[in-house]
Amino acid sequence: MTEDTIEVDFDDAHRFHDLLGQQDQNVKTIERALDVRIGMGDRSLLITGDDIQRELAERVLTQLYDLLGRGYPVYGSDIDYAIRILSRDRNANLAEIFLDSIYITSHKRVVTPKSVAQKAYIEAIRNYDVVFGIGPAGTGKTYLAMAMAVAELVRDNFARMILARPAVEAGEKLGFLPGDLAEKVNPYLRPLYDALHDMVDFDKAQKMLEKGVIEVAPLAFMRGRTLNDSFVILDEAQNTTSEQMKMFLTRLGYGSKAVITGDVTQIDLPSGRISGLKEARAILADIPDIAFCEFGEQDVVRHRLVREIITAYDRADQRRDAAKDNSPQRHRDTEKDGE
């Protein structure tokens, strides 16, 4: 395999400096990720490597430079996202993804999609009244849905926002926790409160909670209600039973939108119980007005190590499954079945 060098020129010195990052960290990240060498001139970069990786590095750098020209502040994490997106699809346009501003949080952070799957998810939430977001932890399923909900609430497109979660993990241990029912289930709702307070100033969020404009509740509290003019999010839906999922989906009233998120590989239901999320995916897949958005480990947008951890666990599960299939006991059982 031969290595060639190409030179990429940039016309703005200030933007070029921002592209390099502090102590050229952005360039070093690209070098490590794509196995290329990048030399730096006054306003140019010399990229050396094999044809495919060199061309990919050029696309990443030129598209990030374009983003900077459009006023988008490129952070270190954006370099990882850009490499991941363009590695999967060389024709992807980073500007179409990163410049889709959803909401500005109380900490002045702009919430935007960070992968092709996240962009498709956001478009689905905009265009469908019922959306399922299914995939591993860290893919932004719940956070993006909440950002969309808060933004819609601020624009007065919905009267209220409802965040629900099953408290299935508690099981029979619920009665041993201190306090009344609301206090018992509160630990299972804590992640939703955390995400909410990350988006809305604490005092403002408390007032909205007190007035019922925002409601955080266990799924069981949805029974018997009709939810009109509401943006409703059901989190951890893999832990709903078949009956609970049907109950939730039939609560939706006029002018409402529902987003259901979950990870079908992390089901905590008792053995023998069917996950309402897995069942809903099979039963409702043919309804054209319901959107199903699937995420994979490549869409994880937490710390880069989270994606590697998920991949490592998946490989370990595959090895365990393979070992079970090849175990002497399995072969003996197979032989008995064939008798």
C-alpha atoms as a PDB file:
ATOM      1  CA  MET A   1       0.000   0.000   0.000  1.00  0.00           C
ATOM      2  CA  THR A   2       1.546   3.321  -1.067  1.00  0.00           C
ATOM      3  CA  GLU A   3       1.262   6.514   0.902  1.00  0.00           C
ATOM      4  CA  ASP A   4       0.871   9.875  -0.805  1.00  0.00           C
ATOM      5  CA  THR A   5       0.631  13.418   0.482  1.00  0.00           C
ATOM      6  CA  ILE A   6      -1.943  16.061  -0.387  1.00  0.00           C
ATOM      7  CA  GLU A   7      -1.937  19.725   0.572  1.00  0.00           C
ATOM      8  CA  VAL A   8      -5.142  21.416   1.738  1.00  0.00           C
ATOM      9  CA  ASP A   9      -5.192  25.229   1.816  1.00  0.00           C
ATOM     10  CA  PHE A  10      -7.398  27.415   4.022  1.00  0.00           C
ATOM     11  CA  ASP A  11      -8.092  31.102   3.389  1.00  0.00           C
ATOM     12  CA  ASP A  12      -8.827  32.438   6.889  1.00  0.00           C
ATOM     13  CA  ALA A  13      -6.005  32.436   9.468  1.00  0.00           C
ATOM     14  CA  HIS A  14      -8.311  32.815  12.483  1.00  0.00           C
ATOM     15  CA  ARG A  15     -10.615  29.975  11.409  1.00  0.00           C
ATOM     16  CA  PHE A  16      -7.575  27.853  10.560  1.00  0.00           C
ATOM     17  CA  HIS A  17      -6.255  28.334  14.102  1.00  0.00           C
ATOM     18  CA  ASP A  18      -9.643  27.321  15.563  1.00  0.00           C
ATOM     19  CA  LEU A  19      -9.661  24.264  13.298  1.00  0.00           C
ATOM     20  CA  LEU A  20      -6.327  23.093  14.700  1.00  0.00           C
ATOM     21  CA  GLY A  21      -7.617  23.332  18.282  1.00  0.00           C
ATOM     22  CA  GLN A  22      -5.702  24.117  21.434  1.00  0.00           C
ATOM     23  CA  GLN A  23      -2.139  22.876  21.075  1.00  0.00           C
ATOM     24  CA  ASP A  24      -3.209  21.334  17.736  1.00  0.00           C
ATOM     25  CA  GLN A  25      -5.317  18.793  19.630  1.00  0.00           C
ATOM     26  CA  ASN A  26      -7.950  18.495  16.886  1.00  0.00           C
ATOM     27  CA  VAL A  27      -5.330  17.562  14.321  1.00  0.00           C
ATOM     28  CA  LYS A  28      -3.741  15.032  16.687  1.00  0.00           C
ATOM     29  CA  THR A  29      -7.160  13.422  17.247  1.00  0.00           C
ATOM     30  CA  ILE A  30      -7.661  13.014  13.495  1.00  0.00           C
ATOM     31  CA  GLU A  31      -4.146  11.593  13.079  1.00  0.00           C
ATOM     32  CA  ARG A  32      -4.753   8.934  15.731  1.00  0.00           C
ATOM     33  CA  ALA A  33      -8.253   8.033  14.575  1.00  0.00           C
ATOM     34  CA  LEU A  34      -7.490   7.771  10.856  1.00  0.00           C
ATOM     35  CA  ASP A  35      -3.847   6.643  10.966  1.00  0.00           C
ATOM     36  CA  VAL A  36      -2.582   9.577   8.916  1.00  0.00           C
ATOM     37  CA  ARG A  37       0.183  12.141   9.435  1.00  0.00           C
ATOM     38  CA  ILE A  38      -0.674  15.837   9.203  1.00  0.00           C
ATOM     39  CA  GLY A  39       1.970  18.522   8.789  1.00  0.00           C
ATOM     40  CA  MET A  40       1.025  22.155   9.397  1.00  0.00           C
ATOM     41  CA  GLY A  41       1.924  25.269   7.424  1.00  0.00           C
ATOM     42  CA  ASP A  42       0.825  28.876   7.979  1.00  0.00           C
ATOM     43  CA  ARG A  43      -2.629  28.252   6.486  1.00  0.00           C
ATOM     44  CA  SER A  44      -2.296  24.801   5.017  1.00  0.00           C
ATOM     45  CA  LEU A  45      -2.148  21.149   6.050  1.00  0.00           C
ATOM     46  CA  LEU A  46      -0.136  18.335   4.488  1.00  0.00           C
ATOM     47  CA  ILE A  47      -1.959  15.014   4.908  1.00  0.00           C
ATOM     48  CA  THR A  48       0.003  11.790   4.405  1.00  0.00           C
ATOM     49  CA  GLY A  49      -1.500   8.299   4.417  1.00  0.00           C
ATOM     50  CA  ASP A  50      -3.199   5.692   2.270  1.00  0.00           C
ATOM     51  CA  ASP A  51      -5.714   6.962  -0.275  1.00  0.00           C
ATOM     52  CA  ILE A  52      -8.908   6.167   1.643  1.00  0.00           C
ATOM     53  CA  GLN A  53      -7.856   7.516   5.041  1.00  0.00           C
ATOM     54  CA  ARG A  54      -6.149  10.563   3.541  1.00  0.00           C
ATOM     55  CA  GLU A  55      -9.277  11.491   1.599  1.00  0.00           C
ATOM     56  CA  LEU A  56     -11.419  10.962   4.707  1.00  0.00           C
ATOM     57  CA  ALA A  57      -9.146  13.213   6.780  1.00  0.00           C
ATOM     58  CA  GLU A  58      -9.449  15.908   4.113  1.00  0.00           C
ATOM     59  CA  ARG A  59     -13.261  15.675   4.178  1.00  0.00           C
ATOM     60  CA  VAL A  60     -13.343  15.908   7.979  1.00  0.00           C
ATOM     61  CA  LEU A  61     -11.057  18.945   8.054  1.00  0.00           C
ATOM     62  CA  THR A  62     -12.728  20.867   5.215  1.00  0.00           C
ATOM     63  CA  GLN A  63     -16.237  20.275   6.532  1.00  0.00           C
ATOM     64  CA  LEU A  64     -15.247  21.301  10.073  1.00  0.00           C
ATOM     65  CA  TYR A  65     -13.631  24.420   8.615  1.00  0.00           C
ATOM     66  CA  ASP A  66     -16.901  25.184   6.826  1.00  0.00           C
ATOM     67  CA  LEU A  67     -18.807  24.763  10.111  1.00  0.00           C
ATOM     68  CA  LEU A  68     -16.496  27.273  11.795  1.00  0.00           C
ATOM     69  CA  GLY A  69     -17.247  29.703   8.964  1.00  0.00           C
ATOM     70  CA  ARG A  70     -20.952  29.360   9.714  1.00  0.00           C
ATOM     71  CA  GLY A  71     -20.433  30.305  13.353  1.00  0.00           C
ATOM     72  CA  TYR A  72     -20.513  26.787  14.797  1.00  0.00           C
ATOM     73  CA  PRO A  73     -17.983  26.378  17.645  1.00  0.00           C
ATOM     74  CA  VAL A  74     -16.149  23.104  17.044  1.00  0.00           C
ATOM     75  CA  TYR A  75     -15.296  21.278  20.289  1.00  0.00           C
ATOM     76  CA  GLY A  76     -13.060  18.266  20.785  1.00  0.00           C
ATOM     77  CA  SER A  77     -16.057  15.923  20.951  1.00  0.00           C
ATOM     78  CA  ASP A  78     -17.241  17.228  17.559  1.00  0.00           C
ATOM     79  CA  ILE A  79     -14.043  15.879  15.988  1.00  0.00           C
ATOM     80  CA  ASP A  80     -14.964  12.354  17.145  1.00  0.00           C
ATOM     81  CA  TYR A  81     -18.540  12.763  15.889  1.00  0.00           C
ATOM     82  CA  ALA A  82     -17.369  14.106  12.514  1.00  0.00           C
ATOM     83  CA  ILE A  83     -14.947  11.214  12.000  1.00  0.00           C
ATOM     84  CA  ARG A  84     -17.624   8.702  12.974  1.00  0.00           C
ATOM     85  CA  ILE A  85     -20.259  10.221  10.659  1.00  0.00           C
ATOM     86  CA  LEU A  86     -18.020  10.558   7.596  1.00  0.00           C
ATOM     87  CA  SER A  87     -16.434   7.139   8.138  1.00  0.00           C
ATOM     88  CA  ARG A  88     -19.888   5.585   7.786  1.00  0.00           C
ATOM     89  CA  ASP A  89     -21.047   7.845   4.933  1.00  0.00           C
ATOM     90  CA  ARG A  90     -18.490   9.773   2.884  1.00  0.00           C
ATOM     91  CA  ASN A  91     -21.301  11.829   1.342  1.00  0.00           C
ATOM     92  CA  ALA A  92     -22.731  13.008   4.655  1.00  0.00           C
ATOM     93  CA  ASN A  93     -23.004  16.758   5.182  1.00  0.00           C
ATOM     94  CA  LEU A  94     -21.895  17.760   8.685  1.00  0.00           C
ATOM     95  CA  ALA A  95     -23.524  21.183   8.355  1.00  0.00           C
ATOM     96  CA  GLU A  96     -26.971  19.631   7.817  1.00  0.00           C
ATOM     97  CA  ILE A  97     -26.535  17.644  11.033  1.00  0.00           C
ATOM     98  CA  PHE A  98     -24.624  19.949  13.394  1.00  0.00           C
ATOM     99  CA  LEU A  99     -26.451  23.159  12.448  1.00  0.00           C
ATOM    100  CA  ASP A 100     -29.889  21.707  13.258  1.00  0.00           C
ATOM    101  CA  SER A 101     -30.265  23.622  16.510  1.00  0.00           C
ATOM    102  CA  ILE A 102     -32.967  22.128  18.744  1.00  0.00           C
ATOM    103  CA  TYR A 103     -32.713  24.060  21.989  1.00  0.00           C
ATOM    104  CA  ILE A 104     -30.369  26.254  24.038  1.00  0.00           C
ATOM    105  CA  THR A 105     -30.079  24.944  27.598  1.00  0.00           C
ATOM    106  CA  SER A 106     -29.950  26.964  30.812  1.00  0.00           C
ATOM    107  CA  HIS A 107     -26.155  26.510  30.646  1.00  0.00           C
ATOM    108  CA  LYS A 108     -26.147  28.191  27.200  1.00  0.00           C
ATOM    109  CA  ARG A 109     -25.293  24.937  25.452  1.00  0.00           C
ATOM    110  CA  VAL A 110     -26.876  24.390  22.055  1.00  0.00           C
ATOM    111  CA  VAL A 111     -28.482  20.955  21.731  1.00  0.00           C
ATOM    112  CA  THR A 112     -27.931  19.594  18.234  1.00  0.00           C
ATOM    113  CA  PRO A 113     -27.871  16.079  16.721  1.00  0.00           C
ATOM    114  CA  LYS A 114     -24.434  14.476  16.658  1.00  0.00           C
ATOM    115  CA  SER A 115     -24.986  11.563  14.276  1.00  0.00           C
ATOM    116  CA  VAL A 116     -26.988  10.668  11.191  1.00  0.00           C
ATOM    117  CA  ALA A 117     -29.298   8.528  13.343  1.00  0.00           C
ATOM    118  CA  GLN A 118     -29.893  11.409  15.760  1.00  0.00           C
ATOM    119  CA  LYS A 119     -30.721  13.728  12.852  1.00  0.00           C
ATOM    120  CA  ALA A 120     -33.258  11.190  11.531  1.00  0.00           C
ATOM    121  CA  TYR A 121     -34.690  10.832  15.062  1.00  0.00           C
ATOM    122  CA  ILE A 122     -35.192  14.592  15.396  1.00  0.00           C
ATOM    123  CA  GLU A 123     -36.878  14.761  11.995  1.00  0.00           C
ATOM    124  CA  ALA A 124     -39.168  11.884  13.006  1.00  0.00           C
ATOM    125  CA  ILE A 125     -40.189  13.674  16.221  1.00  0.00           C
ATOM    126  CA  ARG A 126     -40.978  16.788  14.189  1.00  0.00           C
ATOM    127  CA  ASN A 127     -43.079  14.899  11.653  1.00  0.00           C
ATOM    128  CA  TYR A 128     -44.785  12.069  13.568  1.00  0.00           C
ATOM    129  CA  ASP A 129     -47.097  12.028  16.583  1.00  0.00           C
ATOM    130  CA  VAL A 130     -45.740   8.700  17.885  1.00  0.00           C
ATOM    131  CA  VAL A 131     -42.013   7.964  17.715  1.00  0.00           C
ATOM    132  CA  PHE A 132     -40.019   5.050  19.151  1.00  0.00           C
ATOM    133  CA  GLY A 133     -36.304   5.581  19.819  1.00  0.00           C
ATOM    134  CA  ILE A 134     -34.634   2.205  20.388  1.00  0.00           C
ATOM    135  CA  GLY A 135     -30.939   1.667  21.098  1.00  0.00           C
ATOM    136  CA  PRO A 136     -28.162   1.434  23.698  1.00  0.00           C
ATOM    137  CA  ALA A 137     -27.393   3.859  26.490  1.00  0.00           C
ATOM    138  CA  GLY A 138     -25.644   7.059  25.516  1.00  0.00           C
ATOM    139  CA  THR A 139     -27.229   7.528  22.102  1.00  0.00           C
ATOM    140  CA  GLY A 140     -29.191  10.603  23.201  1.00  0.00           C
ATOM    141  CA  LYS A 141     -32.664   9.074  22.834  1.00  0.00           C
ATOM    142  CA  THR A 142     -34.205  10.583  25.963  1.00  0.00           C
ATOM    143  CA  TYR A 143     -32.109  13.749  26.120  1.00  0.00           C
ATOM    144  CA  LEU A 144     -32.955  14.816  22.570  1.00  0.00           C
ATOM    145  CA  ALA A 145     -36.639  14.018  23.079  1.00  0.00           C
ATOM    146  CA  MET A 146     -36.659  16.156  26.223  1.00  0.00           C
ATOM    147  CA  ALA A 147     -34.867  19.001  24.434  1.00  0.00           C
ATOM    148  CA  MET A 148     -37.498  18.868  21.697  1.00  0.00           C
ATOM    149  CA  ALA A 149     -40.285  18.811  24.289  1.00  0.00           C
ATOM    150  CA  VAL A 150     -38.916  21.792  26.242  1.00  0.00           C
ATOM    151  CA  ALA A 151     -38.423  23.768  23.019  1.00  0.00           C
ATOM    152  CA  GLU A 152     -42.024  23.043  21.964  1.00  0.00           C
ATOM    153  CA  LEU A 153     -43.277  24.006  25.428  1.00  0.00           C
ATOM    154  CA  VAL A 154     -41.409  27.323  25.283  1.00  0.00           C
ATOM    155  CA  ARG A 155     -43.019  28.035  21.894  1.00  0.00           C
ATOM    156  CA  ASP A 156     -46.478  27.266  23.386  1.00  0.00           C
ATOM    157  CA  ASN A 157     -47.046  24.466  20.882  1.00  0.00           C
ATOM    158  CA  PHE A 158     -48.079  22.197  23.771  1.00  0.00           C
ATOM    159  CA  ALA A 159     -49.803  22.966  27.068  1.00  0.00           C
ATOM    160  CA  ARG A 160     -47.670  20.608  29.136  1.00  0.00           C
ATOM    161  CA  MET A 161     -44.816  18.147  29.094  1.00  0.00           C
ATOM    162  CA  ILE A 162     -45.101  14.752  30.776  1.00  0.00           C
ATOM    163  CA  LEU A 163     -42.113  12.537  31.556  1.00  0.00           C
ATOM    164  CA  ALA A 164     -42.898   8.976  32.585  1.00  0.00           C
ATOM    165  CA  ARG A 165     -40.847   5.957  33.571  1.00  0.00           C
ATOM    166  CA  PRO A 166     -41.768   2.460  34.768  1.00  0.00           C
ATOM    167  CA  ALA A 167     -40.590   1.651  38.291  1.00  0.00           C
ATOM    168  CA  VAL A 168     -40.283  -2.029  37.417  1.00  0.00           C
ATOM    169  CA  GLU A 169     -36.815  -2.345  38.924  1.00  0.00           C
ATOM    170  CA  ALA A 170     -38.277  -1.789  42.396  1.00  0.00           C
ATOM    171  CA  GLY A 171     -40.442  -4.901  42.244  1.00  0.00           C
ATOM    172  CA  GLU A 172     -41.409  -6.236  45.659  1.00  0.00           C
ATOM    173  CA  LYS A 173     -38.714  -4.105  47.302  1.00  0.00           C
ATOM    174  CA  LEU A 174     -40.818  -0.971  46.803  1.00  0.00           C
ATOM    175  CA  GLY A 175     -42.644  -1.443  50.085  1.00  0.00           C
ATOM    176  CA  PHE A 176     -39.415  -1.464  52.055  1.00  0.00           C
ATOM    177  CA  LEU A 177     -38.403   1.988  50.877  1.00  0.00           C
ATOM    178  CA  PRO A 178     -39.219   4.906  53.240  1.00  0.00           C
ATOM    179  CA  GLY A 179     -41.962   7.467  52.573  1.00  0.00           C
ATOM    180  CA  ASP A 180     -45.220   7.508  50.644  1.00  0.00           C
ATOM    181  CA  LEU A 181     -45.653   6.071  47.151  1.00  0.00           C
ATOM    182  CA  ALA A 182     -44.347   9.191  45.397  1.00  0.00           C
ATOM    183  CA  GLU A 183     -41.208   9.170  47.556  1.00  0.00           C
ATOM    184  CA  LYS A 184     -40.712   5.444  46.991  1.00  0.00           C
ATOM    185  CA  VAL A 185     -40.676   5.758  43.196  1.00  0.00           C
ATOM    186  CA  ASN A 186     -38.722   9.035  43.114  1.00  0.00           C
ATOM    187  CA  PRO A 187     -35.290   7.338  42.806  1.00  0.00           C
ATOM    188  CA  TYR A 188     -36.428   5.769  39.525  1.00  0.00           C
ATOM    189  CA  LEU A 189     -37.444   9.192  38.179  1.00  0.00           C
ATOM    190  CA  ARG A 190     -34.208  10.925  39.226  1.00  0.00           C
ATOM    191  CA  PRO A 191     -32.542  10.660  35.775  1.00  0.00           C
ATOM    192  CA  LEU A 192     -35.478  12.533  34.232  1.00  0.00           C
ATOM    193  CA  TYR A 193     -35.196  15.317  36.812  1.00  0.00           C
ATOM    194  CA  ASP A 194     -31.447  15.527  36.174  1.00  0.00           C
ATOM    195  CA  ALA A 195     -31.931  15.906  32.418  1.00  0.00           C
ATOM    196  CA  LEU A 196     -34.705  18.465  32.980  1.00  0.00           C
ATOM    197  CA  HIS A 197     -32.562  20.617  35.267  1.00  0.00           C
ATOM    198  CA  ASP A 198     -29.761  20.447  32.716  1.00  0.00           C
ATOM    199  CA  MET A 199     -32.068  22.157  30.204  1.00  0.00           C
ATOM    200  CA  VAL A 200     -34.151  24.525  32.326  1.00  0.00           C
ATOM    201  CA  ASP A 201     -32.993  26.824  35.119  1.00  0.00           C
ATOM    202  CA  PHE A 202     -33.675  25.101  38.458  1.00  0.00           C
ATOM    203  CA  ASP A 203     -36.065  27.745  39.841  1.00  0.00           C
ATOM    204  CA  LYS A 204     -37.975  27.958  36.557  1.00  0.00           C
ATOM    205  CA  ALA A 205     -38.216  24.167  36.383  1.00  0.00           C
ATOM    206  CA  GLN A 206     -39.544  24.025  39.958  1.00  0.00           C
ATOM    207  CA  LYS A 207     -42.264  26.561  39.148  1.00  0.00           C
ATOM    208  CA  MET A 208     -43.269  24.631  36.034  1.00  0.00           C
ATOM    209  CA  LEU A 209     -43.403  21.415  38.077  1.00  0.00           C
ATOM    210  CA  GLU A 210     -45.508  23.082  40.785  1.00  0.00           C
ATOM    211  CA  LYS A 211     -47.966  24.437  38.197  1.00  0.00           C
ATOM    212  CA  GLY A 212     -48.209  21.077  36.431  1.00  0.00           C
ATOM    213  CA  VAL A 213     -46.809  22.478  33.173  1.00  0.00           C
ATOM    214  CA  ILE A 214     -44.110  19.823  33.532  1.00  0.00           C
ATOM    215  CA  GLU A 215     -44.980  16.527  35.187  1.00  0.00           C
ATOM    216  CA  VAL A 216     -42.559  13.739  36.095  1.00  0.00           C
ATOM    217  CA  ALA A 217     -44.388  10.582  37.114  1.00  0.00           C
ATOM    218  CA  PRO A 218     -44.132   6.805  37.259  1.00  0.00           C
ATOM    219  CA  LEU A 219     -45.912   5.081  34.397  1.00  0.00           C
ATOM    220  CA  ALA A 220     -48.563   3.650  36.749  1.00  0.00           C
ATOM    221  CA  PHE A 221     -49.858   7.211  37.312  1.00  0.00           C
ATOM    222  CA  MET A 222     -50.892   7.404  33.636  1.00  0.00           C
ATOM    223  CA  ARG A 223     -53.678   4.840  34.001  1.00  0.00           C
ATOM    224  CA  GLY A 224     -57.180   6.181  33.396  1.00  0.00           C
ATOM    225  CA  ARG A 225     -56.008   9.537  32.039  1.00  0.00           C
ATOM    226  CA  THR A 226     -56.423  11.172  28.616  1.00  0.00           C
ATOM    227  CA  LEU A 227     -53.451  13.341  27.700  1.00  0.00           C
ATOM    228  CA  ASN A 228     -54.513  16.255  25.475  1.00  0.00           C
ATOM    229  CA  ASP A 229     -52.177  18.994  24.151  1.00  0.00           C
ATOM    230  CA  SER A 230     -49.246  17.211  25.773  1.00  0.00           C
ATOM    231  CA  PHE A 231     -45.732  16.249  24.745  1.00  0.00           C
ATOM    232  CA  VAL A 232     -45.311  12.886  26.474  1.00  0.00           C
ATOM    233  CA  ILE A 233     -42.052  10.964  26.863  1.00  0.00           C
ATOM    234  CA  LEU A 234     -41.885   7.387  28.130  1.00  0.00           C
ATOM    235  CA  ASP A 235     -38.328   6.501  29.157  1.00  0.00           C
ATOM    236  CA  GLU A 236     -36.883   3.022  29.866  1.00  0.00           C
ATOM    237  CA  ALA A 237     -39.792   1.548  27.914  1.00  0.00           C
ATOM    238  CA  GLN A 238     -38.085  -1.836  27.658  1.00  0.00           C
ATOM    239  CA  ASN A 239     -39.223  -2.358  31.267  1.00  0.00           C
ATOM    240  CA  THR A 240     -42.914  -1.945  30.495  1.00  0.00           C
ATOM    241  CA  THR A 241     -45.126  -5.002  30.340  1.00  0.00           C
ATOM    242  CA  SER A 242     -47.348  -5.627  27.342  1.00  0.00           C
ATOM    243  CA  GLU A 243     -50.348  -4.282  29.284  1.00  0.00           C
ATOM    244  CA  GLN A 244     -48.494  -1.157  30.427  1.00  0.00           C
ATOM    245  CA  MET A 245     -47.338  -0.277  26.922  1.00  0.00           C
ATOM    246  CA  LYS A 246     -50.847  -0.634  25.498  1.00  0.00           C
ATOM    247  CA  MET A 247     -52.203   1.441  28.383  1.00  0.00           C
ATOM    248  CA  PHE A 248     -49.652   4.204  27.736  1.00  0.00           C
ATOM    249  CA  LEU A 249     -50.162   4.355  23.976  1.00  0.00           C
ATOM    250  CA  THR A 250     -53.935   4.610  24.362  1.00  0.00           C
ATOM    251  CA  ARG A 251     -53.632   7.618  26.726  1.00  0.00           C
ATOM    252  CA  LEU A 252     -52.720   9.910  23.831  1.00  0.00           C
ATOM    253  CA  GLY A 253     -55.363  12.592  23.257  1.00  0.00           C
ATOM    254  CA  TYR A 254     -55.931  15.413  20.763  1.00  0.00           C
ATOM    255  CA  GLY A 255     -52.977  17.655  19.901  1.00  0.00           C
ATOM    256  CA  SER A 256     -50.470  15.404  21.675  1.00  0.00           C
ATOM    257  CA  LYS A 257     -47.176  13.781  20.741  1.00  0.00           C
ATOM    258  CA  ALA A 258     -45.517  10.729  22.322  1.00  0.00           C
ATOM    259  CA  VAL A 259     -41.881   9.648  22.226  1.00  0.00           C
ATOM    260  CA  ILE A 260     -41.049   6.204  23.617  1.00  0.00           C
ATOM    261  CA  THR A 261     -37.400   5.372  24.332  1.00  0.00           C
ATOM    262  CA  GLY A 262     -35.681   2.211  25.480  1.00  0.00           C
ATOM    263  CA  ASP A 263     -32.916  -0.350  25.076  1.00  0.00           C
ATOM    264  CA  VAL A 264     -34.190  -3.862  24.312  1.00  0.00           C
ATOM    265  CA  THR A 265     -30.859  -5.344  25.461  1.00  0.00           C
ATOM    266  CA  GLN A 266     -31.346  -4.034  29.024  1.00  0.00           C
ATOM    267  CA  ILE A 267     -34.657  -5.550  30.118  1.00  0.00           C
ATOM    268  CA  ASP A 268     -35.140  -5.808  33.909  1.00  0.00           C
ATOM    269  CA  LEU A 269     -38.567  -7.454  33.893  1.00  0.00           C
ATOM    270  CA  PRO A 270     -39.032 -10.701  35.846  1.00  0.00           C
ATOM    271  CA  SER A 271     -38.268 -13.844  33.891  1.00  0.00           C
ATOM    272  CA  GLY A 272     -41.120 -14.860  31.630  1.00  0.00           C
ATOM    273  CA  ARG A 273     -42.595 -11.361  31.231  1.00  0.00           C
ATOM    274  CA  ILE A 274     -42.700  -9.936  27.699  1.00  0.00           C
ATOM    275  CA  SER A 275     -41.210  -6.489  27.186  1.00  0.00           C
ATOM    276  CA  GLY A 276     -43.889  -4.071  26.029  1.00  0.00           C
ATOM    277  CA  LEU A 277     -41.306  -2.251  23.902  1.00  0.00           C
ATOM    278  CA  LYS A 278     -40.212  -5.375  22.000  1.00  0.00           C
ATOM    279  CA  GLU A 279     -43.831  -6.371  21.473  1.00  0.00           C
ATOM    280  CA  ALA A 280     -44.848  -2.890  20.298  1.00  0.00           C
ATOM    281  CA  ARG A 281     -42.035  -2.855  17.741  1.00  0.00           C
ATOM    282  CA  ALA A 282     -43.397  -6.082  16.249  1.00  0.00           C
ATOM    283  CA  ILE A 283     -47.113  -5.206  16.440  1.00  0.00           C
ATOM    284  CA  LEU A 284     -46.987  -1.561  15.299  1.00  0.00           C
ATOM    285  CA  ALA A 285     -44.229  -1.741  12.676  1.00  0.00           C
ATOM    286  CA  ASP A 286     -46.684  -1.604   9.758  1.00  0.00           C
ATOM    287  CA  ILE A 287     -48.568   1.508  10.903  1.00  0.00           C
ATOM    288  CA  PRO A 288     -47.275   4.256   8.564  1.00  0.00           C
ATOM    289  CA  ASP A 289     -47.921   7.139  10.971  1.00  0.00           C
ATOM    290  CA  ILE A 290     -45.685   5.659  13.701  1.00  0.00           C
ATOM    291  CA  ALA A 291     -41.912   6.092  13.350  1.00  0.00           C
ATOM    292  CA  PHE A 292     -39.295   3.653  14.650  1.00  0.00           C
ATOM    293  CA  CYS A 293     -35.750   5.002  14.956  1.00  0.00           C
ATOM    294  CA  GLU A 294     -32.972   2.500  15.670  1.00  0.00           C
ATOM    295  CA  PHE A 295     -29.613   3.423  17.211  1.00  0.00           C
ATOM    296  CA  GLY A 296     -26.415   1.356  17.439  1.00  0.00           C
ATOM    297  CA  GLU A 297     -23.217   1.595  19.468  1.00  0.00           C
ATOM    298  CA  GLN A 298     -21.772   3.789  16.679  1.00  0.00           C
ATOM    299  CA  ASP A 299     -24.327   6.451  17.692  1.00  0.00           C
ATOM    300  CA  VAL A 300     -23.169   6.691  21.321  1.00  0.00           C
ATOM    301  CA  VAL A 301     -22.432  10.360  22.037  1.00  0.00           C
ATOM    302  CA  ARG A 302     -21.154  10.101  25.579  1.00  0.00           C
ATOM    303  CA  HIS A 303     -17.448   9.869  26.346  1.00  0.00           C
ATOM    304  CA  ARG A 304     -15.731   7.970  23.497  1.00  0.00           C
ATOM    305  CA  LEU A 305     -14.884   5.157  25.938  1.00  0.00           C
ATOM    306  CA  VAL A 306     -18.608   4.443  26.460  1.00  0.00           C
ATOM    307  CA  ARG A 307     -18.878   3.242  22.865  1.00  0.00           C
ATOM    308  CA  GLU A 308     -15.824   1.020  23.313  1.00  0.00           C
ATOM    309  CA  ILE A 309     -17.243  -0.359  26.572  1.00  0.00           C
ATOM    310  CA  ILE A 310     -20.575  -1.228  24.889  1.00  0.00           C
ATOM    311  CA  THR A 311     -18.734  -2.912  22.007  1.00  0.00           C
ATOM    312  CA  ALA A 312     -16.536  -4.891  24.427  1.00  0.00           C
ATOM    313  CA  TYR A 313     -19.568  -6.137  26.374  1.00  0.00           C
ATOM    314  CA  ASP A 314     -21.316  -7.110  23.120  1.00  0.00           C
ATOM    315  CA  ARG A 315     -18.249  -9.142  22.104  1.00  0.00           C
ATOM    316  CA  ALA A 316     -18.171 -10.801  25.539  1.00  0.00           C
ATOM    317  CA  ASP A 317     -21.865 -11.736  25.235  1.00  0.00           C
ATOM    318  CA  GLN A 318     -21.220 -13.224  21.792  1.00  0.00           C
ATOM    319  CA  ARG A 319     -18.307 -15.283  23.159  1.00  0.00           C
ATOM    320  CA  ARG A 320     -20.460 -16.566  26.024  1.00  0.00           C
ATOM    321  CA  ASP A 321     -23.257 -17.503  23.634  1.00  0.00           C
ATOM    322  CA  ALA A 322     -20.779 -19.284  21.363  1.00  0.00           C
ATOM    323  CA  ALA A 323     -19.305 -21.145  24.340  1.00  0.00           C
ATOM    324  CA  LYS A 324     -22.784 -22.300  25.395  1.00  0.00           C
ATOM    325  CA  ASP A 325     -23.532 -23.524  21.877  1.00  0.00           C
ATOM    326  CA  ASN A 326     -20.303 -25.528  21.846  1.00  0.00           C
ATOM    327  CA  SER A 327     -20.553 -26.891  25.390  1.00  0.00           C
ATOM    328  CA  PRO A 328     -20.538 -30.717  25.855  1.00  0.00           C
ATOM    329  CA  GLN A 329     -23.861 -30.505  27.733  1.00  0.00           C
ATOM    330  CA  ARG A 330     -25.445 -28.654  24.801  1.00  0.00           C
ATOM    331  CA  HIS A 331     -24.206 -31.357  22.419  1.00  0.00           C
ATOM    332  CA  ARG A 332     -25.556 -34.098  24.681  1.00  0.00           C
ATOM    333  CA  ASP A 333     -28.934 -32.333  24.890  1.00  0.00           C
ATOM    334  CA  THR A 334     -28.963 -31.998  21.088  1.00  0.00           C
ATOM    335  CA  GLU A 335     -28.181 -35.700  20.691  1.00  0.00           C
ATOM    336  CA  LYS A 336     -31.023 -36.622  23.069  1.00  0.00           C
ATOM    337  CA  ASP A 337     -33.446 -34.432  21.139  1.00  0.00           C
ATOM    338  CA  GLY A 338     -32.476 -36.260  17.985  1.00  0.00           C
ATOM    339  CA  GLU A 339     -33.119 -39.695  19.414  1.00  0.00           C
END
